[in-house]
Amino acid sequence: MKLWIIGKKGILSSALQRRCMELGIEFVATTRKEVDIRHDASVKAQFETLGFSHVVNCSGYTAVDLAEEEEKNAFELNADAVSTLAKYANHFDKRLIHFSTDYVFDGKSEEYEEDQSTSPLSIYGQSKEKGEKYLLERCPSACLIRTSWLFGKEGSHFASTMIRLMQEKDVIRVVNDQWGRPTFADDLANAALSLLDSSGVYHFANAGKTTWHGFALAIKKAMEEKNIPMKCKEIKPISTDEFGAKAKRPQFSILNSKHFTPPNWEEGLDEVICHAFELKK
């Protein structure tokens, strides 16, 4: 078994590579500069020469608000490139694992099953939804994993931003009317590796639901418990309308992860904070 991991420097890809090294799983990871999956010829050349058994697509256009202005870029990477990967994975009989998002849902259900209808509110969500459709139509053996609110030891994400802001600002304003399940990248990597030879749609997010404000409060509490210096005195709850983001977000996007027994997201948060400040657990 050998994996081709696409999106070498991303949050999930970094966690996946680390786990593969721990387990002794052979892999090659590529950046967009090395292999641009938006280009058919580049993708085809990889399938013809690399000698892998599985493709794990960790890449994607993830700038949710910017996608409202850069629709073409979002669809190229989140939909068209997925279509190309699916076409060649099917042709060359390779296993393909792809990741999508809770933002393909409209937020009108408090919890989402794998087979519920999608109805995205944003350009980002629409581009991911189209990628899902291409994937399942053009590579029936593919595995689609939807996840939500991803954070990890590497990269830029909500937790890393909050950690920085808490050291810089006295008061932080965070949205308190969007509900979801944060997902620790290391746990998602383990889930993905368990699905390498599976097909169909799966949901994976860590146990425990919260709001972005609740997530921020948990970060502050964990930092305080570890005696990490910070300026932040208050995390003020605000509404989505007050925040004024360009892209609409689902109010509820809790993914039912019934195929797994994931740990609570706060356990992963503790690991991320320890890693960020080089503390022992």
Protein backbone atom coordinates (compact mmCIF):
# COMPACT_ATOMS: atom_id res chain seq x y z
CA MET A 1 0.00 0.00 0.00
CA LYS A 2 1.21 3.47 -0.89
CA LEU A 3 -0.70 6.73 -0.52
CA TRP A 4 -0.56 9.83 -2.68
CA ILE A 5 -1.50 12.65 -0.28
CA ILE A 6 -2.53 15.84 -2.05
CA GLY A 7 -2.15 19.17 -0.26
CA LYS A 8 1.15 18.58 1.51
CA LYS A 9 1.19 21.61 3.83
CA GLY A 10 -2.43 21.69 4.98
CA ILE A 11 -3.83 21.07 8.46
CA LEU A 12 -5.23 17.62 7.71
CA SER A 13 -2.43 16.55 5.36
CA SER A 14 0.20 17.33 8.01
CA ALA A 15 -1.65 15.21 10.56
CA LEU A 16 -2.11 12.40 8.04
CA GLN A 17 1.56 12.36 7.09
CA ARG A 18 2.58 12.26 10.75
CA ARG A 19 0.24 9.34 11.42
CA CYS A 20 1.46 7.45 8.35
CA MET A 21 5.05 7.79 9.57
CA GLU A 22 4.04 6.48 13.00
CA LEU A 23 2.28 3.47 11.43
CA GLY A 24 4.93 2.81 8.77
CA ILE A 25 2.55 3.48 5.88
CA GLU A 26 4.37 4.45 2.69
CA PHE A 27 3.25 7.73 1.14
CA VAL A 28 4.24 10.61 -1.07
CA ALA A 29 2.81 14.08 -0.41
CA THR A 30 2.71 16.83 -3.00
CA THR A 31 2.10 20.59 -3.02
CA ARG A 32 0.22 22.44 -5.73
CA LYS A 33 3.55 23.62 -7.16
CA GLU A 34 4.66 20.01 -7.53
CA VAL A 35 1.36 18.70 -8.93
CA ASP A 36 -1.44 21.12 -9.80
CA ILE A 37 -4.56 18.95 -9.71
CA ARG A 38 -6.44 21.60 -11.69
CA HIS A 39 -4.44 20.50 -14.74
CA ASP A 40 -5.57 17.26 -16.35
CA ALA A 41 -2.14 16.39 -17.80
CA SER A 42 -0.41 16.77 -14.42
CA VAL A 43 -2.91 14.47 -12.72
CA LYS A 44 -2.74 11.88 -15.48
CA ALA A 45 1.07 11.83 -15.28
CA GLN A 46 0.92 11.09 -11.55
CA PHE A 47 -1.42 8.16 -12.07
CA GLU A 48 0.78 6.79 -14.84
CA THR A 49 4.13 7.05 -13.04
CA LEU A 50 3.86 7.25 -9.25
CA GLY A 51 2.82 3.70 -8.41
CA PHE A 52 0.45 4.43 -5.51
CA SER A 53 -2.58 2.40 -4.46
CA HIS A 54 -4.61 5.17 -2.79
CA VAL A 55 -5.22 8.87 -3.44
CA VAL A 56 -6.09 11.01 -0.41
CA ASN A 57 -7.18 14.48 -1.47
CA CYS A 58 -6.55 16.89 1.40
CA SER A 59 -6.42 19.95 -0.85
CA GLY A 60 -9.18 22.46 -1.38
CA TYR A 61 -10.18 26.09 -1.62
CA THR A 62 -11.17 26.91 1.97
CA ALA A 63 -11.44 30.73 2.09
CA VAL A 64 -15.19 30.77 2.75
CA ASP A 65 -15.76 34.53 2.52
CA LEU A 66 -13.26 35.17 -0.28
CA ALA A 67 -14.99 32.50 -2.36
CA GLU A 68 -17.92 34.91 -2.72
CA GLU A 69 -15.59 37.04 -4.88
CA GLU A 70 -13.44 34.24 -6.30
CA GLU A 71 -16.14 31.84 -7.46
CA LYS A 72 -14.10 30.58 -10.41
CA ASN A 73 -11.10 29.72 -8.23
CA ALA A 74 -13.28 27.93 -5.68
CA PHE A 75 -15.01 25.77 -8.30
CA GLU A 76 -11.75 24.97 -10.11
CA LEU A 77 -10.18 23.43 -7.01
CA ASN A 78 -13.21 22.14 -5.10
CA ALA A 79 -15.16 20.75 -8.06
CA ASP A 80 -13.31 20.56 -11.39
CA ALA A 81 -10.08 19.20 -9.88
CA VAL A 82 -12.08 16.59 -7.95
CA SER A 83 -13.73 15.55 -11.19
CA THR A 84 -10.31 15.01 -12.76
CA LEU A 85 -9.07 12.97 -9.81
CA ALA A 86 -12.24 10.86 -9.87
CA LYS A 87 -11.92 10.23 -13.60
CA TYR A 88 -8.36 8.92 -13.35
CA ALA A 89 -8.88 7.04 -10.08
CA ASN A 90 -11.70 5.15 -11.75
CA HIS A 91 -9.74 4.60 -14.97
CA PHE A 92 -6.60 3.35 -13.21
CA ASP A 93 -8.55 1.45 -10.51
CA LYS A 94 -7.12 3.36 -7.54
CA ARG A 95 -8.83 4.00 -4.21
CA LEU A 96 -9.82 7.67 -3.79
CA ILE A 97 -10.57 9.38 -0.47
CA HIS A 98 -11.87 12.95 -0.59
CA PHE A 99 -12.97 15.39 2.13
CA SER A 100 -15.95 17.71 2.16
CA THR A 101 -17.64 19.99 4.63
CA ASP A 102 -20.65 20.64 6.83
CA TYR A 103 -21.19 23.79 4.74
CA VAL A 104 -22.92 21.72 2.04
CA PHE A 105 -25.96 21.81 4.36
CA ASP A 106 -28.38 24.69 4.94
CA GLY A 107 -28.36 24.56 8.74
CA LYS A 108 -32.08 23.96 9.15
CA SER A 109 -31.62 20.56 10.84
CA GLU A 110 -30.00 20.33 14.24
CA GLU A 111 -28.02 17.25 13.15
CA TYR A 112 -27.11 15.83 9.75
CA GLU A 113 -26.95 12.22 8.57
CA GLU A 114 -24.85 11.13 5.59
CA ASP A 115 -27.86 10.64 3.32
CA GLN A 116 -29.57 13.97 3.99
CA SER A 117 -30.07 16.33 1.06
CA THR A 118 -27.50 19.06 0.59
CA SER A 119 -28.44 22.71 0.10
CA PRO A 120 -25.42 25.00 0.56
CA LEU A 121 -25.80 28.67 1.45
CA SER A 122 -22.47 29.95 0.12
CA ILE A 123 -20.29 29.78 -2.99
CA TYR A 124 -17.78 27.75 -0.97
CA GLY A 125 -20.48 25.27 0.02
CA GLN A 126 -21.78 25.09 -3.54
CA SER A 127 -18.29 24.35 -4.88
CA LYS A 128 -17.81 21.56 -2.35
CA GLU A 129 -21.26 20.14 -3.13
CA LYS A 130 -20.44 20.03 -6.84
CA GLY A 131 -17.16 18.29 -6.06
CA GLU A 132 -19.07 15.66 -4.07
CA LYS A 133 -21.38 15.00 -7.01
CA TYR A 134 -18.49 14.69 -9.48
CA LEU A 135 -16.66 12.35 -7.10
CA LEU A 136 -19.53 9.92 -6.59
CA GLU A 137 -20.68 9.98 -10.21
CA ARG A 138 -17.26 9.48 -11.80
CA CYS A 139 -15.64 7.19 -9.24
CA PRO A 140 -18.34 5.00 -7.61
CA SER A 141 -15.75 3.27 -5.40
CA ALA A 142 -14.60 6.57 -3.85
CA CYS A 143 -14.89 7.42 -0.16
CA LEU A 144 -16.28 10.83 0.75
CA ILE A 145 -15.69 12.08 4.30
CA ARG A 146 -17.52 15.21 5.46
CA THR A 147 -16.08 17.01 8.45
CA SER A 148 -16.52 20.31 10.30
CA TRP A 149 -14.64 23.08 12.09
CA LEU A 150 -11.19 21.56 11.52
CA PHE A 151 -8.28 22.48 13.79
CA GLY A 152 -4.86 20.93 14.33
CA LYS A 153 -1.26 21.25 15.42
CA GLU A 154 -0.20 22.92 12.20
CA GLY A 155 -1.61 25.60 9.94
CA SER A 156 -4.03 28.47 10.38
CA HIS A 157 -7.51 27.78 11.79
CA PHE A 158 -9.97 29.08 14.37
CA ALA A 159 -8.06 27.78 17.41
CA SER A 160 -4.71 29.17 16.24
CA THR A 161 -6.34 32.53 15.49
CA MET A 162 -7.97 32.66 18.92
CA ILE A 163 -4.71 31.77 20.66
CA ARG A 164 -3.01 34.68 18.87
CA LEU A 165 -5.83 37.17 19.50
CA MET A 166 -6.01 36.29 23.19
CA GLN A 167 -2.38 37.36 23.51
CA GLU A 168 -2.99 40.61 21.62
CA LYS A 169 -6.45 41.93 22.58
CA ASP A 170 -8.35 42.70 25.79
CA VAL A 171 -11.74 41.90 24.27
CA ILE A 172 -12.58 39.48 21.47
CA ARG A 173 -15.97 39.28 19.73
CA VAL A 174 -17.04 35.77 18.64
CA VAL A 175 -20.23 34.48 17.01
CA ASN A 176 -22.56 32.67 19.40
CA ASP A 177 -25.45 31.52 17.17
CA GLN A 178 -23.76 28.94 14.92
CA TRP A 179 -23.62 25.37 16.26
CA GLY A 180 -21.24 22.63 15.14
CA ARG A 181 -18.71 20.01 16.16
CA PRO A 182 -15.01 20.95 16.12
CA THR A 183 -12.73 18.29 14.60
CA PHE A 184 -9.14 17.61 15.63
CA ALA A 185 -7.08 16.87 12.52
CA ASP A 186 -5.22 13.96 14.14
CA ASP A 187 -8.52 12.22 14.93
CA LEU A 188 -9.78 12.83 11.40
CA ALA A 189 -6.53 11.40 10.01
CA ASN A 190 -7.08 8.21 12.02
CA ALA A 191 -10.65 7.99 10.77
CA ALA A 192 -9.52 8.45 7.16
CA LEU A 193 -6.92 5.71 7.47
CA SER A 194 -9.60 3.36 8.78
CA LEU A 195 -11.64 4.05 5.61
CA LEU A 196 -8.92 3.53 3.01
CA ASP A 197 -10.75 0.62 1.43
CA SER A 198 -14.29 1.88 2.05
CA SER A 199 -16.74 3.46 -0.38
CA GLY A 200 -19.61 5.86 0.07
CA VAL A 201 -20.30 8.86 2.30
CA TYR A 202 -19.17 9.17 5.92
CA HIS A 203 -19.38 11.92 8.52
CA PHE A 204 -16.59 12.44 11.01
CA ALA A 205 -16.40 15.14 13.67
CA ASN A 206 -15.34 14.96 17.28
CA ALA A 207 -17.88 14.38 20.03
CA GLY A 208 -19.52 17.38 21.65
CA LYS A 209 -21.36 20.28 20.06
CA THR A 210 -20.65 23.95 20.70
CA THR A 211 -20.77 27.42 19.19
CA TRP A 212 -17.76 29.39 17.96
CA HIS A 213 -18.09 31.43 21.17
CA GLY A 214 -18.10 28.25 23.25
CA PHE A 215 -15.05 27.04 21.34
CA ALA A 216 -13.26 30.32 22.12
CA LEU A 217 -14.19 30.12 25.82
CA ALA A 218 -12.74 26.60 25.98
CA ILE A 219 -9.47 27.84 24.44
CA LYS A 220 -9.25 30.64 26.99
CA LYS A 221 -9.98 28.27 29.87
CA ALA A 222 -7.35 25.77 28.69
CA MET A 223 -4.75 28.52 28.40
CA GLU A 224 -5.58 29.81 31.87
CA GLU A 225 -5.29 26.31 33.35
CA LYS A 226 -1.82 26.02 31.81
CA ASN A 227 -0.82 29.48 33.11
CA ILE A 228 -0.21 30.79 29.61
CA PRO A 229 -0.02 34.62 29.68
CA MET A 230 -2.71 36.49 27.76
CA LYS A 231 -4.21 39.95 27.47
CA CYS A 232 -7.78 38.80 26.85
CA LYS A 233 -10.20 39.62 29.66
CA GLU A 234 -13.50 39.05 27.87
CA ILE A 235 -14.86 37.04 24.96
CA LYS A 236 -18.01 38.84 23.93
CA PRO A 237 -20.80 36.81 22.28
CA ILE A 238 -22.21 38.36 19.10
CA SER A 239 -24.70 37.31 16.45
CA THR A 240 -23.85 36.21 12.93
CA ASP A 241 -25.50 39.40 11.66
CA GLU A 242 -23.35 41.54 13.95
CA PHE A 243 -20.20 39.81 12.70
CA GLY A 244 -21.17 40.60 9.13
CA ALA A 245 -19.32 37.90 7.18
CA LYS A 246 -19.77 37.96 3.41
CA ALA A 247 -20.70 34.28 3.09
CA LYS A 248 -23.75 32.79 4.77
CA ARG A 249 -23.05 29.97 7.24
CA PRO A 250 -25.44 27.23 8.40
CA GLN A 251 -26.84 27.90 11.86
CA PHE A 252 -26.70 24.21 12.73
CA SER A 253 -24.15 21.94 11.09
CA ILE A 254 -23.71 19.11 13.57
CA LEU A 255 -22.55 16.00 11.73
CA ASN A 256 -23.78 12.66 13.04
CA SER A 257 -20.64 10.50 13.15
CA LYS A 258 -22.46 7.25 13.84
CA HIS A 259 -19.81 5.05 12.21
CA PHE A 260 -17.20 6.16 14.76
CA THR A 261 -16.77 6.70 18.48
CA PRO A 262 -14.68 9.88 18.38
CA PRO A 263 -13.23 11.52 21.49
CA ASN A 264 -14.46 14.90 22.66
CA TRP A 265 -13.01 17.84 20.73
CA GLU A 266 -11.64 19.36 23.94
CA GLU A 267 -9.10 16.52 24.17
CA GLY A 268 -7.70 17.53 20.79
CA LEU A 269 -7.73 21.18 21.80
CA ASP A 270 -5.55 20.34 24.80
CA GLU A 271 -3.02 18.68 22.46
CA VAL A 272 -3.01 21.69 20.15
CA ILE A 273 -2.36 24.15 22.97
CA CYS A 274 0.39 21.98 24.45
CA HIS A 275 1.99 21.75 21.01
CA ALA A 276 1.70 25.51 20.39
CA PHE A 277 3.43 26.41 23.65
CA GLU A 278 5.78 23.38 23.78
CA LEU A 279 4.23 22.05 26.98
CA LYS A 280 4.16 18.48 28.19
CA LYS A 281 0.74 16.87 28.44
